[in-house]
Amino acid sequence: MIEYCRLAGSHGVKCTQKIELHHIIGIGKARGNKAVRQILTSNPPELTEWVCSAHNVGRWADTSESRSKLLRLKIEEFGYEHMKRTLDELPWKVPRPELTLEALLDG
């Protein structure tokens, strides 16, 4: 487990000591899609990251800037092609072009 906030220094928010697992793609985005919800709630390392409670509860981690920063960290860890494939293979019922890697990185 990472012991520091992966968003430290962003948004002018002072990090707290409590580190929490944050979903880069929020579970709420599944909107009744059981297959996607099941994937997201299994907390895959490609789609989750450790942030402090100030960034998480304050919803700073959900901004497009933060999501892009977290995804860039995931690209460093897993590689661009792996992350693209992970997002492209989520079984959405309808196309979600706003949730492709390219769209999320552009914010």
PDB file of N, CA and C in Angstrom:
ATOM      1  N   MET A   1       0.841  -1.185   0.000  1.00  0.00           N
ATOM      2  CA  MET A   1       0.000   0.000   0.000  1.00  0.00           C
ATOM      3  C   MET A   1       0.885   1.246   0.000  1.00  0.00           C
ATOM      4  N   ILE A   2       0.509   2.213  -0.787  1.00  0.00           N
ATOM      5  CA  ILE A   2       1.213   3.482  -0.824  1.00  0.00           C
ATOM      6  C   ILE A   2       0.841   4.255   0.431  1.00  0.00           C
ATOM      7  N   GLU A   3       1.798   4.899   1.040  1.00  0.00           N
ATOM      8  CA  GLU A   3       1.542   5.580   2.301  1.00  0.00           C
ATOM      9  C   GLU A   3       1.486   7.093   2.164  1.00  0.00           C
ATOM     10  N   TYR A   4       1.289   7.563   0.954  1.00  0.00           N
ATOM     11  CA  TYR A   4       1.130   8.992   0.746  1.00  0.00           C
ATOM     12  C   TYR A   4       0.096   9.222  -0.341  1.00  0.00           C
ATOM     13  N   CYS A   5      -0.457  10.401  -0.329  1.00  0.00           N
ATOM     14  CA  CYS A   5      -1.501  10.758  -1.291  1.00  0.00           C
ATOM     15  C   CYS A   5      -0.881  10.967  -2.668  1.00  0.00           C
ATOM     16  N   ARG A   6      -1.439  10.302  -3.660  1.00  0.00           N
ATOM     17  CA  ARG A   6      -0.932  10.422  -5.029  1.00  0.00           C
ATOM     18  C   ARG A   6      -1.316  11.760  -5.658  1.00  0.00           C
ATOM     19  N   LEU A   7      -2.135  12.536  -4.954  1.00  0.00           N
ATOM     20  CA  LEU A   7      -2.492  13.868  -5.432  1.00  0.00           C
ATOM     21  C   LEU A   7      -1.870  14.963  -4.573  1.00  0.00           C
ATOM     22  N   ALA A   8      -0.887  14.606  -3.783  1.00  0.00           N
ATOM     23  CA  ALA A   8      -0.242  15.575  -2.891  1.00  0.00           C
ATOM     24  C   ALA A   8       0.200  16.806  -3.671  1.00  0.00           C
ATOM     25  N   GLY A   9      -0.136  17.953  -3.146  1.00  0.00           N
ATOM     26  CA  GLY A   9       0.253  19.210  -3.769  1.00  0.00           C
ATOM     27  C   GLY A   9      -0.716  19.726  -4.808  1.00  0.00           C
ATOM     28  N   SER A  10      -1.733  18.980  -5.140  1.00  0.00           N
ATOM     29  CA  SER A  10      -2.665  19.454  -6.167  1.00  0.00           C
ATOM     30  C   SER A  10      -3.871  20.153  -5.538  1.00  0.00           C
ATOM     31  N   HIS A  11      -4.414  21.091  -6.261  1.00  0.00           N
ATOM     32  CA  HIS A  11      -5.613  21.852  -5.896  1.00  0.00           C
ATOM     33  C   HIS A  11      -5.428  22.713  -4.648  1.00  0.00           C
ATOM     34  N   GLY A  12      -4.217  22.879  -4.168  1.00  0.00           N
ATOM     35  CA  GLY A  12      -3.995  23.674  -2.965  1.00  0.00           C
ATOM     36  C   GLY A  12      -4.601  23.059  -1.714  1.00  0.00           C
ATOM     37  N   VAL A  13      -4.877  21.770  -1.772  1.00  0.00           N
ATOM     38  CA  VAL A  13      -5.482  21.067  -0.645  1.00  0.00           C
ATOM     39  C   VAL A  13      -4.386  20.453   0.207  1.00  0.00           C
ATOM     40  N   LYS A  14      -4.454  20.695   1.515  1.00  0.00           N
ATOM     41  CA  LYS A  14      -3.488  20.094   2.429  1.00  0.00           C
ATOM     42  C   LYS A  14      -3.913  18.651   2.683  1.00  0.00           C
ATOM     43  N   CYS A  15      -3.008  17.720   2.406  1.00  0.00           N
ATOM     44  CA  CYS A  15      -3.321  16.303   2.568  1.00  0.00           C
ATOM     45  C   CYS A  15      -3.504  15.944   4.046  1.00  0.00           C
ATOM     46  N   THR A  16      -4.350  14.975   4.280  1.00  0.00           N
ATOM     47  CA  THR A  16      -4.566  14.441   5.617  1.00  0.00           C
ATOM     48  C   THR A  16      -3.749  13.166   5.768  1.00  0.00           C
ATOM     49  N   GLN A  17      -3.657  12.678   6.969  1.00  0.00           N
ATOM     50  CA  GLN A  17      -2.905  11.458   7.242  1.00  0.00           C
ATOM     51  C   GLN A  17      -3.621  10.214   6.718  1.00  0.00           C
ATOM     52  N   LYS A  18      -4.933  10.243   6.685  1.00  0.00           N
ATOM     53  CA  LYS A  18      -5.701   9.060   6.300  1.00  0.00           C
ATOM     54  C   LYS A  18      -5.658   8.863   4.780  1.00  0.00           C
ATOM     55  N   ILE A  19      -5.163   7.707   4.359  1.00  0.00           N
ATOM     56  CA  ILE A  19      -5.071   7.382   2.933  1.00  0.00           C
ATOM     57  C   ILE A  19      -6.199   6.406   2.596  1.00  0.00           C
ATOM     58  N   GLU A  20      -6.904   6.682   1.495  1.00  0.00           N
ATOM     59  CA  GLU A  20      -8.055   5.873   1.085  1.00  0.00           C
ATOM     60  C   GLU A  20      -7.897   5.434  -0.366  1.00  0.00           C
ATOM     61  N   LEU A  21      -8.526   4.324  -0.686  1.00  0.00           N
ATOM     62  CA  LEU A  21      -8.524   3.843  -2.060  1.00  0.00           C
ATOM     63  C   LEU A  21      -9.588   4.604  -2.840  1.00  0.00           C
ATOM     64  N   HIS A  22      -9.196   5.204  -3.933  1.00  0.00           N
ATOM     65  CA  HIS A  22     -10.093   6.013  -4.766  1.00  0.00           C
ATOM     66  C   HIS A  22     -10.278   5.328  -6.117  1.00  0.00           C
ATOM     67  N   HIS A  23     -11.510   5.282  -6.594  1.00  0.00           N
ATOM     68  CA  HIS A  23     -11.813   4.737  -7.922  1.00  0.00           C
ATOM     69  C   HIS A  23     -11.632   5.841  -8.961  1.00  0.00           C
ATOM     70  N   ILE A  24     -10.725   5.634  -9.887  1.00  0.00           N
ATOM     71  CA  ILE A  24     -10.483   6.631 -10.939  1.00  0.00           C
ATOM     72  C   ILE A  24     -11.722   6.782 -11.806  1.00  0.00           C
ATOM     73  N   ILE A  25     -12.367   5.673 -12.125  1.00  0.00           N
ATOM     74  CA  ILE A  25     -13.684   5.687 -12.772  1.00  0.00           C
ATOM     75  C   ILE A  25     -14.665   5.393 -11.648  1.00  0.00           C
ATOM     76  N   GLY A  26     -15.460   6.369 -11.272  1.00  0.00           N
ATOM     77  CA  GLY A  26     -16.377   6.198 -10.153  1.00  0.00           C
ATOM     78  C   GLY A  26     -17.383   5.082 -10.378  1.00  0.00           C
ATOM     79  N   ILE A  27     -17.695   4.363  -9.312  1.00  0.00           N
ATOM     80  CA  ILE A  27     -18.658   3.262  -9.401  1.00  0.00           C
ATOM     81  C   ILE A  27     -20.012   3.767  -9.887  1.00  0.00           C
ATOM     82  N   GLY A  28     -20.352   4.993  -9.552  1.00  0.00           N
ATOM     83  CA  GLY A  28     -21.613   5.581  -9.999  1.00  0.00           C
ATOM     84  C   GLY A  28     -21.737   5.666 -11.516  1.00  0.00           C
ATOM     85  N   LYS A  29     -20.607   5.666 -12.214  1.00  0.00           N
ATOM     86  CA  LYS A  29     -20.644   5.716 -13.683  1.00  0.00           C
ATOM     87  C   LYS A  29     -21.261   4.451 -14.277  1.00  0.00           C
ATOM     88  N   ALA A  30     -21.286   3.362 -13.497  1.00  0.00           N
ATOM     89  CA  ALA A  30     -21.842   2.104 -13.996  1.00  0.00           C
ATOM     90  C   ALA A  30     -23.350   2.216 -14.214  1.00  0.00           C
ATOM     91  N   ARG A  31     -24.028   3.056 -13.478  1.00  0.00           N
ATOM     92  CA  ARG A  31     -25.463   3.323 -13.660  1.00  0.00           C
ATOM     93  C   ARG A  31     -26.283   2.079 -13.977  1.00  0.00           C
ATOM     94  N   GLY A  32     -26.267   1.115 -13.095  1.00  0.00           N
ATOM     95  CA  GLY A  32     -27.079  -0.081 -13.281  1.00  0.00           C
ATOM     96  C   GLY A  32     -26.445  -1.159 -14.141  1.00  0.00           C
ATOM     97  N   ASN A  33     -25.259  -0.929 -14.640  1.00  0.00           N
ATOM     98  CA  ASN A  33     -24.564  -1.934 -15.444  1.00  0.00           C
ATOM     99  C   ASN A  33     -23.823  -2.867 -14.484  1.00  0.00           C
ATOM    100  N   LYS A  34     -24.439  -4.036 -14.226  1.00  0.00           N
ATOM    101  CA  LYS A  34     -23.880  -4.963 -13.236  1.00  0.00           C
ATOM    102  C   LYS A  34     -22.474  -5.422 -13.576  1.00  0.00           C
ATOM    103  N   ALA A  35     -22.203  -5.647 -14.835  1.00  0.00           N
ATOM    104  CA  ALA A  35     -20.882  -6.141 -15.240  1.00  0.00           C
ATOM    105  C   ALA A  35     -19.794  -5.114 -14.936  1.00  0.00           C
ATOM    106  N   VAL A  36     -20.027  -3.865 -15.298  1.00  0.00           N
ATOM    107  CA  VAL A  36     -19.041  -2.814 -15.037  1.00  0.00           C
ATOM    108  C   VAL A  36     -18.936  -2.563 -13.541  1.00  0.00           C
ATOM    109  N   ARG A  37     -20.081  -2.528 -12.855  1.00  0.00           N
ATOM    110  CA  ARG A  37     -20.068  -2.317 -11.403  1.00  0.00           C
ATOM    111  C   ARG A  37     -19.252  -3.400 -10.705  1.00  0.00           C
ATOM    112  N   GLN A  38     -19.406  -4.635 -11.141  1.00  0.00           N
ATOM    113  CA  GLN A  38     -18.665  -5.740 -10.531  1.00  0.00           C
ATOM    114  C   GLN A  38     -17.157  -5.557 -10.734  1.00  0.00           C
ATOM    115  N   ILE A  39     -16.769  -5.144 -11.920  1.00  0.00           N
ATOM    116  CA  ILE A  39     -15.347  -4.896 -12.199  1.00  0.00           C
ATOM    117  C   ILE A  39     -14.827  -3.775 -11.305  1.00  0.00           C
ATOM    118  N   LEU A  40     -15.551  -2.664 -11.244  1.00  0.00           N
ATOM    119  CA  LEU A  40     -15.084  -1.515 -10.466  1.00  0.00           C
ATOM    120  C   LEU A  40     -15.037  -1.816  -8.971  1.00  0.00           C
ATOM    121  N   THR A  41     -16.020  -2.538  -8.452  1.00  0.00           N
ATOM    122  CA  THR A  41     -16.031  -2.834  -7.018  1.00  0.00           C
ATOM    123  C   THR A  41     -15.005  -3.883  -6.628  1.00  0.00           C
ATOM    124  N   SER A  42     -14.432  -4.574  -7.604  1.00  0.00           N
ATOM    125  CA  SER A  42     -13.358  -5.520  -7.289  1.00  0.00           C
ATOM    126  C   SER A  42     -12.031  -4.788  -7.065  1.00  0.00           C
ATOM    127  N   ASN A  43     -12.041  -3.457  -7.230  1.00  0.00           N
ATOM    128  CA  ASN A  43     -10.884  -2.586  -6.993  1.00  0.00           C
ATOM    129  C   ASN A  43      -9.645  -2.985  -7.792  1.00  0.00           C
ATOM    130  N   PRO A  44      -9.779  -3.093  -9.120  1.00  0.00           N
ATOM    131  CA  PRO A  44      -8.597  -3.438  -9.914  1.00  0.00           C
ATOM    132  C   PRO A  44      -7.530  -2.361  -9.770  1.00  0.00           C
ATOM    133  N   PRO A  45      -6.268  -2.758  -9.663  1.00  0.00           N
ATOM    134  CA  PRO A  45      -5.206  -1.771  -9.451  1.00  0.00           C
ATOM    135  C   PRO A  45      -5.086  -0.759 -10.592  1.00  0.00           C
ATOM    136  N   GLU A  46      -5.516  -1.126 -11.789  1.00  0.00           N
ATOM    137  CA  GLU A  46      -5.450  -0.187 -12.916  1.00  0.00           C
ATOM    138  C   GLU A  46      -6.453   0.953 -12.759  1.00  0.00           C
ATOM    139  N   LEU A  47      -7.534   0.717 -12.024  1.00  0.00           N
ATOM    140  CA  LEU A  47      -8.608   1.702 -11.949  1.00  0.00           C
ATOM    141  C   LEU A  47      -8.794   2.293 -10.554  1.00  0.00           C
ATOM    142  N   THR A  48      -7.834   2.072  -9.674  1.00  0.00           N
ATOM    143  CA  THR A  48      -7.890   2.641  -8.332  1.00  0.00           C
ATOM    144  C   THR A  48      -6.532   3.236  -7.978  1.00  0.00           C
ATOM    145  N   GLU A  49      -6.561   4.188  -7.061  1.00  0.00           N
ATOM    146  CA  GLU A  49      -5.312   4.802  -6.604  1.00  0.00           C
ATOM    147  C   GLU A  49      -5.504   5.301  -5.181  1.00  0.00           C
ATOM    148  N   TRP A  50      -4.397   5.424  -4.459  1.00  0.00           N
ATOM    149  CA  TRP A  50      -4.430   5.876  -3.073  1.00  0.00           C
ATOM    150  C   TRP A  50      -4.347   7.386  -3.004  1.00  0.00           C
ATOM    151  N   VAL A  51      -5.346   7.988  -2.355  1.00  0.00           N
ATOM    152  CA  VAL A  51      -5.368   9.432  -2.129  1.00  0.00           C
ATOM    153  C   VAL A  51      -5.753   9.685  -0.673  1.00  0.00           C
ATOM    154  N   CYS A  52      -5.471  10.863  -0.188  1.00  0.00           N
ATOM    155  CA  CYS A  52      -5.834  11.181   1.195  1.00  0.00           C
ATOM    156  C   CYS A  52      -7.330  11.477   1.276  1.00  0.00           C
ATOM    157  N   SER A  53      -7.850  11.423   2.483  1.00  0.00           N
ATOM    158  CA  SER A  53      -9.283  11.645   2.660  1.00  0.00           C
ATOM    159  C   SER A  53      -9.683  13.070   2.269  1.00  0.00           C
ATOM    160  N   ALA A  54      -8.787  14.039   2.426  1.00  0.00           N
ATOM    161  CA  ALA A  54      -9.122  15.415   2.027  1.00  0.00           C
ATOM    162  C   ALA A  54      -9.374  15.504   0.528  1.00  0.00           C
ATOM    163  N   HIS A  55      -8.543  14.853  -0.274  1.00  0.00           N
ATOM    164  CA  HIS A  55      -8.745  14.864  -1.724  1.00  0.00           C
ATOM    165  C   HIS A  55      -9.933  13.990  -2.121  1.00  0.00           C
ATOM    166  N   ASN A  56     -10.147  12.889  -1.417  1.00  0.00           N
ATOM    167  CA  ASN A  56     -11.205  11.952  -1.776  1.00  0.00           C
ATOM    168  C   ASN A  56     -12.578  12.456  -1.339  1.00  0.00           C
ATOM    169  N   VAL A  57     -12.735  12.758  -0.062  1.00  0.00           N
ATOM    170  CA  VAL A  57     -14.032  13.191   0.457  1.00  0.00           C
ATOM    171  C   VAL A  57     -14.405  14.558  -0.109  1.00  0.00           C
ATOM    172  N   GLY A  58     -13.417  15.425  -0.272  1.00  0.00           N
ATOM    173  CA  GLY A  58     -13.666  16.737  -0.843  1.00  0.00           C
ATOM    174  C   GLY A  58     -13.934  16.699  -2.338  1.00  0.00           C
ATOM    175  N   ARG A  59     -13.874  15.520  -2.915  1.00  0.00           N
ATOM    176  CA  ARG A  59     -14.144  15.266  -4.333  1.00  0.00           C
ATOM    177  C   ARG A  59     -13.133  15.905  -5.264  1.00  0.00           C
ATOM    178  N   TRP A  60     -12.005  16.370  -4.727  1.00  0.00           N
ATOM    179  CA  TRP A  60     -10.948  16.899  -5.582  1.00  0.00           C
ATOM    180  C   TRP A  60     -10.406  15.808  -6.489  1.00  0.00           C
ATOM    181  N   ALA A  61     -10.427  14.570  -6.007  1.00  0.00           N
ATOM    182  CA  ALA A  61      -9.901  13.453  -6.795  1.00  0.00           C
ATOM    183  C   ALA A  61     -10.766  13.149  -8.012  1.00  0.00           C
ATOM    184  N   ASP A  62     -11.996  13.671  -8.041  1.00  0.00           N
ATOM    185  CA  ASP A  62     -12.903  13.414  -9.157  1.00  0.00           C
ATOM    186  C   ASP A  62     -12.820  14.448 -10.265  1.00  0.00           C
ATOM    187  N   THR A  63     -11.996  15.463 -10.103  1.00  0.00           N
ATOM    188  CA  THR A  63     -11.884  16.470 -11.159  1.00  0.00           C
ATOM    189  C   THR A  63     -11.159  15.879 -12.365  1.00  0.00           C
ATOM    190  N   SER A  64     -11.383  16.457 -13.513  1.00  0.00           N
ATOM    191  CA  SER A  64     -10.724  15.953 -14.724  1.00  0.00           C
ATOM    192  C   SER A  64      -9.206  16.079 -14.608  1.00  0.00           C
ATOM    193  N   GLU A  65      -8.733  17.133 -13.966  1.00  0.00           N
ATOM    194  CA  GLU A  65      -7.286  17.325 -13.778  1.00  0.00           C
ATOM    195  C   GLU A  65      -6.699  16.195 -12.927  1.00  0.00           C
ATOM    196  N   SER A  66      -7.380  15.872 -11.836  1.00  0.00           N
ATOM    197  CA  SER A  66      -6.894  14.800 -10.954  1.00  0.00           C
ATOM    198  C   SER A  66      -6.972  13.447 -11.640  1.00  0.00           C
ATOM    199  N   ARG A  67      -8.073  13.188 -12.336  1.00  0.00           N
ATOM    200  CA  ARG A  67      -8.224  11.912 -13.031  1.00  0.00           C
ATOM    201  C   ARG A  67      -7.114  11.727 -14.049  1.00  0.00           C
ATOM    202  N   SER A  68      -6.796  12.794 -14.778  1.00  0.00           N
ATOM    203  CA  SER A  68      -5.714  12.742 -15.756  1.00  0.00           C
ATOM    204  C   SER A  68      -4.384  12.459 -15.069  1.00  0.00           C
ATOM    205  N   LYS A  69      -4.126  13.126 -13.954  1.00  0.00           N
ATOM    206  CA  LYS A  69      -2.875  12.907 -13.217  1.00  0.00           C
ATOM    207  C   LYS A  69      -2.776  11.462 -12.734  1.00  0.00           C
ATOM    208  N   LEU A  70      -3.860  10.940 -12.179  1.00  0.00           N
ATOM    209  CA  LEU A  70      -3.854   9.559 -11.682  1.00  0.00           C
ATOM    210  C   LEU A  70      -3.674   8.563 -12.823  1.00  0.00           C
ATOM    211  N   LEU A  71      -4.302   8.831 -13.961  1.00  0.00           N
ATOM    212  CA  LEU A  71      -4.142   7.928 -15.106  1.00  0.00           C
ATOM    213  C   LEU A  71      -2.718   7.964 -15.658  1.00  0.00           C
ATOM    214  N   ARG A  72      -2.087   9.117 -15.625  1.00  0.00           N
ATOM    215  CA  ARG A  72      -0.689   9.196 -16.072  1.00  0.00           C
ATOM    216  C   ARG A  72       0.211   8.368 -15.155  1.00  0.00           C
ATOM    217  N   LEU A  73      -0.083   8.361 -13.866  1.00  0.00           N
ATOM    218  CA  LEU A  73       0.660   7.504 -12.934  1.00  0.00           C
ATOM    219  C   LEU A  73       0.424   6.032 -13.258  1.00  0.00           C
ATOM    220  N   LYS A  74      -0.801   5.690 -13.627  1.00  0.00           N
ATOM    221  CA  LYS A  74      -1.121   4.307 -13.985  1.00  0.00           C
ATOM    222  C   LYS A  74      -0.434   3.896 -15.283  1.00  0.00           C
ATOM    223  N   ILE A  75      -0.310   4.824 -16.210  1.00  0.00           N
ATOM    224  CA  ILE A  75       0.401   4.550 -17.463  1.00  0.00           C
ATOM    225  C   ILE A  75       1.874   4.273 -17.159  1.00  0.00           C
ATOM    226  N   GLU A  76       2.457   5.030 -16.245  1.00  0.00           N
ATOM    227  CA  GLU A  76       3.849   4.765 -15.845  1.00  0.00           C
ATOM    228  C   GLU A  76       3.982   3.371 -15.240  1.00  0.00           C
ATOM    229  N   GLU A  77       2.980   2.969 -14.481  1.00  0.00           N
ATOM    230  CA  GLU A  77       3.025   1.679 -13.789  1.00  0.00           C
ATOM    231  C   GLU A  77       2.718   0.493 -14.716  1.00  0.00           C
ATOM    232  N   PHE A  78       1.682   0.606 -15.538  1.00  0.00           N
ATOM    233  CA  PHE A  78       1.207  -0.522 -16.339  1.00  0.00           C
ATOM    234  C   PHE A  78       1.483  -0.408 -17.831  1.00  0.00           C
ATOM    235  N   GLY A  79       1.784   0.783 -18.311  1.00  0.00           N
ATOM    236  CA  GLY A  79       1.996   1.001 -19.732  1.00  0.00           C
ATOM    237  C   GLY A  79       0.739   1.521 -20.411  1.00  0.00           C
ATOM    238  N   TYR A  80       0.950   2.307 -21.455  1.00  0.00           N
ATOM    239  CA  TYR A  80      -0.154   2.948 -22.171  1.00  0.00           C
ATOM    240  C   TYR A  80      -1.100   1.918 -22.781  1.00  0.00           C
ATOM    241  N   GLU A  81      -0.560   0.949 -23.499  1.00  0.00           N
ATOM    242  CA  GLU A  81      -1.406  -0.025 -24.192  1.00  0.00           C
ATOM    243  C   GLU A  81      -2.259  -0.837 -23.216  1.00  0.00           C
ATOM    244  N   HIS A  82      -1.671  -1.222 -22.088  1.00  0.00           N
ATOM    245  CA  HIS A  82      -2.423  -1.979 -21.086  1.00  0.00           C
ATOM    246  C   HIS A  82      -3.572  -1.138 -20.529  1.00  0.00           C
ATOM    247  N   MET A  83      -3.309   0.107 -20.222  1.00  0.00           N
ATOM    248  CA  MET A  83      -4.358   0.976 -19.679  1.00  0.00           C
ATOM    249  C   MET A  83      -5.437   1.248 -20.723  1.00  0.00           C
ATOM    250  N   LYS A  84      -5.035   1.441 -21.967  1.00  0.00           N
ATOM    251  CA  LYS A  84      -6.021   1.658 -23.036  1.00  0.00           C
ATOM    252  C   LYS A  84      -6.911   0.435 -23.171  1.00  0.00           C
ATOM    253  N   ARG A  85      -6.304  -0.738 -23.181  1.00  0.00           N
ATOM    254  CA  ARG A  85      -7.059  -1.985 -23.300  1.00  0.00           C
ATOM    255  C   ARG A  85      -7.997  -2.174 -22.101  1.00  0.00           C
ATOM    256  N   THR A  86      -7.516  -1.881 -20.901  1.00  0.00           N
ATOM    257  CA  THR A  86      -8.341  -2.022 -19.692  1.00  0.00           C
ATOM    258  C   THR A  86      -9.598  -1.175 -19.797  1.00  0.00           C
ATOM    259  N   LEU A  87      -9.453   0.066 -20.210  1.00  0.00           N
ATOM    260  CA  LEU A  87     -10.617   0.946 -20.323  1.00  0.00           C
ATOM    261  C   LEU A  87     -11.495   0.572 -21.512  1.00  0.00           C
ATOM    262  N   ASP A  88     -10.879   0.213 -22.633  1.00  0.00           N
ATOM    263  CA  ASP A  88     -11.653  -0.160 -23.827  1.00  0.00           C
ATOM    264  C   ASP A  88     -12.469  -1.433 -23.618  1.00  0.00           C
ATOM    265  N   GLU A  89     -11.999  -2.312 -22.745  1.00  0.00           N
ATOM    266  CA  GLU A  89     -12.678  -3.593 -22.548  1.00  0.00           C
ATOM    267  C   GLU A  89     -13.745  -3.565 -21.463  1.00  0.00           C
ATOM    268  N   LEU A  90     -13.975  -2.419 -20.832  1.00  0.00           N
ATOM    269  CA  LEU A  90     -15.073  -2.355 -19.876  1.00  0.00           C
ATOM    270  C   LEU A  90     -16.378  -2.574 -20.642  1.00  0.00           C
ATOM    271  N   PRO A  91     -17.225  -3.492 -20.181  1.00  0.00           N
ATOM    272  CA  PRO A  91     -18.413  -3.883 -20.946  1.00  0.00           C
ATOM    273  C   PRO A  91     -19.597  -2.923 -20.789  1.00  0.00           C
ATOM    274  N   TRP A  92     -19.434  -1.705 -21.300  1.00  0.00           N
ATOM    275  CA  TRP A  92     -20.523  -0.738 -21.232  1.00  0.00           C
ATOM    276  C   TRP A  92     -21.688  -1.209 -22.108  1.00  0.00           C
ATOM    277  N   LYS A  93     -22.911  -0.935 -21.715  1.00  0.00           N
ATOM    278  CA  LYS A  93     -24.090  -1.296 -22.507  1.00  0.00           C
ATOM    279  C   LYS A  93     -24.230  -0.380 -23.716  1.00  0.00           C
ATOM    280  N   VAL A  94     -23.828   0.871 -23.540  1.00  0.00           N
ATOM    281  CA  VAL A  94     -23.805   1.837 -24.647  1.00  0.00           C
ATOM    282  C   VAL A  94     -22.402   2.420 -24.702  1.00  0.00           C
ATOM    283  N   PRO A  95     -21.936   2.844 -25.855  1.00  0.00           N
ATOM    284  CA  PRO A  95     -20.589   3.416 -25.956  1.00  0.00           C
ATOM    285  C   PRO A  95     -20.416   4.595 -25.002  1.00  0.00           C
ATOM    286  N   ARG A  96     -19.270   4.671 -24.374  1.00  0.00           N
ATOM    287  CA  ARG A  96     -18.943   5.764 -23.445  1.00  0.00           C
ATOM    288  C   ARG A  96     -17.647   6.429 -23.910  1.00  0.00           C
ATOM    289  N   PRO A  97     -17.689   7.188 -25.017  1.00  0.00           N
ATOM    290  CA  PRO A  97     -16.469   7.800 -25.548  1.00  0.00           C
ATOM    291  C   PRO A  97     -15.792   8.744 -24.560  1.00  0.00           C
ATOM    292  N   GLU A  98     -16.538   9.291 -23.606  1.00  0.00           N
ATOM    293  CA  GLU A  98     -15.948  10.186 -22.615  1.00  0.00           C
ATOM    294  C   GLU A  98     -15.121   9.427 -21.572  1.00  0.00           C
ATOM    295  N   LEU A  99     -15.205   8.087 -21.593  1.00  0.00           N
ATOM    296  CA  LEU A  99     -14.463   7.272 -20.644  1.00  0.00           C
ATOM    297  C   LEU A  99     -13.363   6.448 -21.305  1.00  0.00           C
ATOM    298  N   THR A 100     -12.928   6.870 -22.490  1.00  0.00           N
ATOM    299  CA  THR A 100     -11.766   6.244 -23.111  1.00  0.00           C
ATOM    300  C   THR A 100     -10.518   6.869 -22.504  1.00  0.00           C
ATOM    301  N   LEU A 101      -9.402   6.195 -22.626  1.00  0.00           N
ATOM    302  CA  LEU A 101      -8.168   6.708 -22.060  1.00  0.00           C
ATOM    303  C   LEU A 101      -7.819   8.070 -22.639  1.00  0.00           C
ATOM    304  N   GLU A 102      -7.947   8.211 -23.940  1.00  0.00           N
ATOM    305  CA  GLU A 102      -7.611   9.485 -24.583  1.00  0.00           C
ATOM    306  C   GLU A 102      -8.486  10.618 -24.056  1.00  0.00           C
ATOM    307  N   ALA A 103      -9.783  10.377 -23.942  1.00  0.00           N
ATOM    308  CA  ALA A 103     -10.694  11.414 -23.462  1.00  0.00           C
ATOM    309  C   ALA A 103     -10.402  11.770 -22.016  1.00  0.00           C
ATOM    310  N   LEU A 104     -10.127  10.780 -21.184  1.00  0.00           N
ATOM    311  CA  LEU A 104      -9.840  11.044 -19.777  1.00  0.00           C
ATOM    312  C   LEU A 104      -8.514  11.766 -19.580  1.00  0.00           C
ATOM    313  N   LEU A 105      -7.537  11.466 -20.421  1.00  0.00           N
ATOM    314  CA  LEU A 105      -6.254  12.166 -20.320  1.00  0.00           C
ATOM    315  C   LEU A 105      -6.365  13.621 -20.760  1.00  0.00           C
ATOM    316  N   ASP A 106      -7.240  13.875 -21.738  1.00  0.00           N
ATOM    317  CA  ASP A 106      -7.433  15.247 -22.217  1.00  0.00           C
ATOM    318  C   ASP A 106      -8.220  16.074 -21.214  1.00  0.00           C
ATOM    319  N   GLY A 107      -9.017  15.377 -20.394  1.00  0.00           N
ATOM    320  CA  GLY A 107      -9.781  16.056 -19.339  1.00  0.00           C
ATOM    321  C   GLY A 107     -10.767  16.985 -19.887  1.00  0.00           C
TER     322      GLY A 107
END
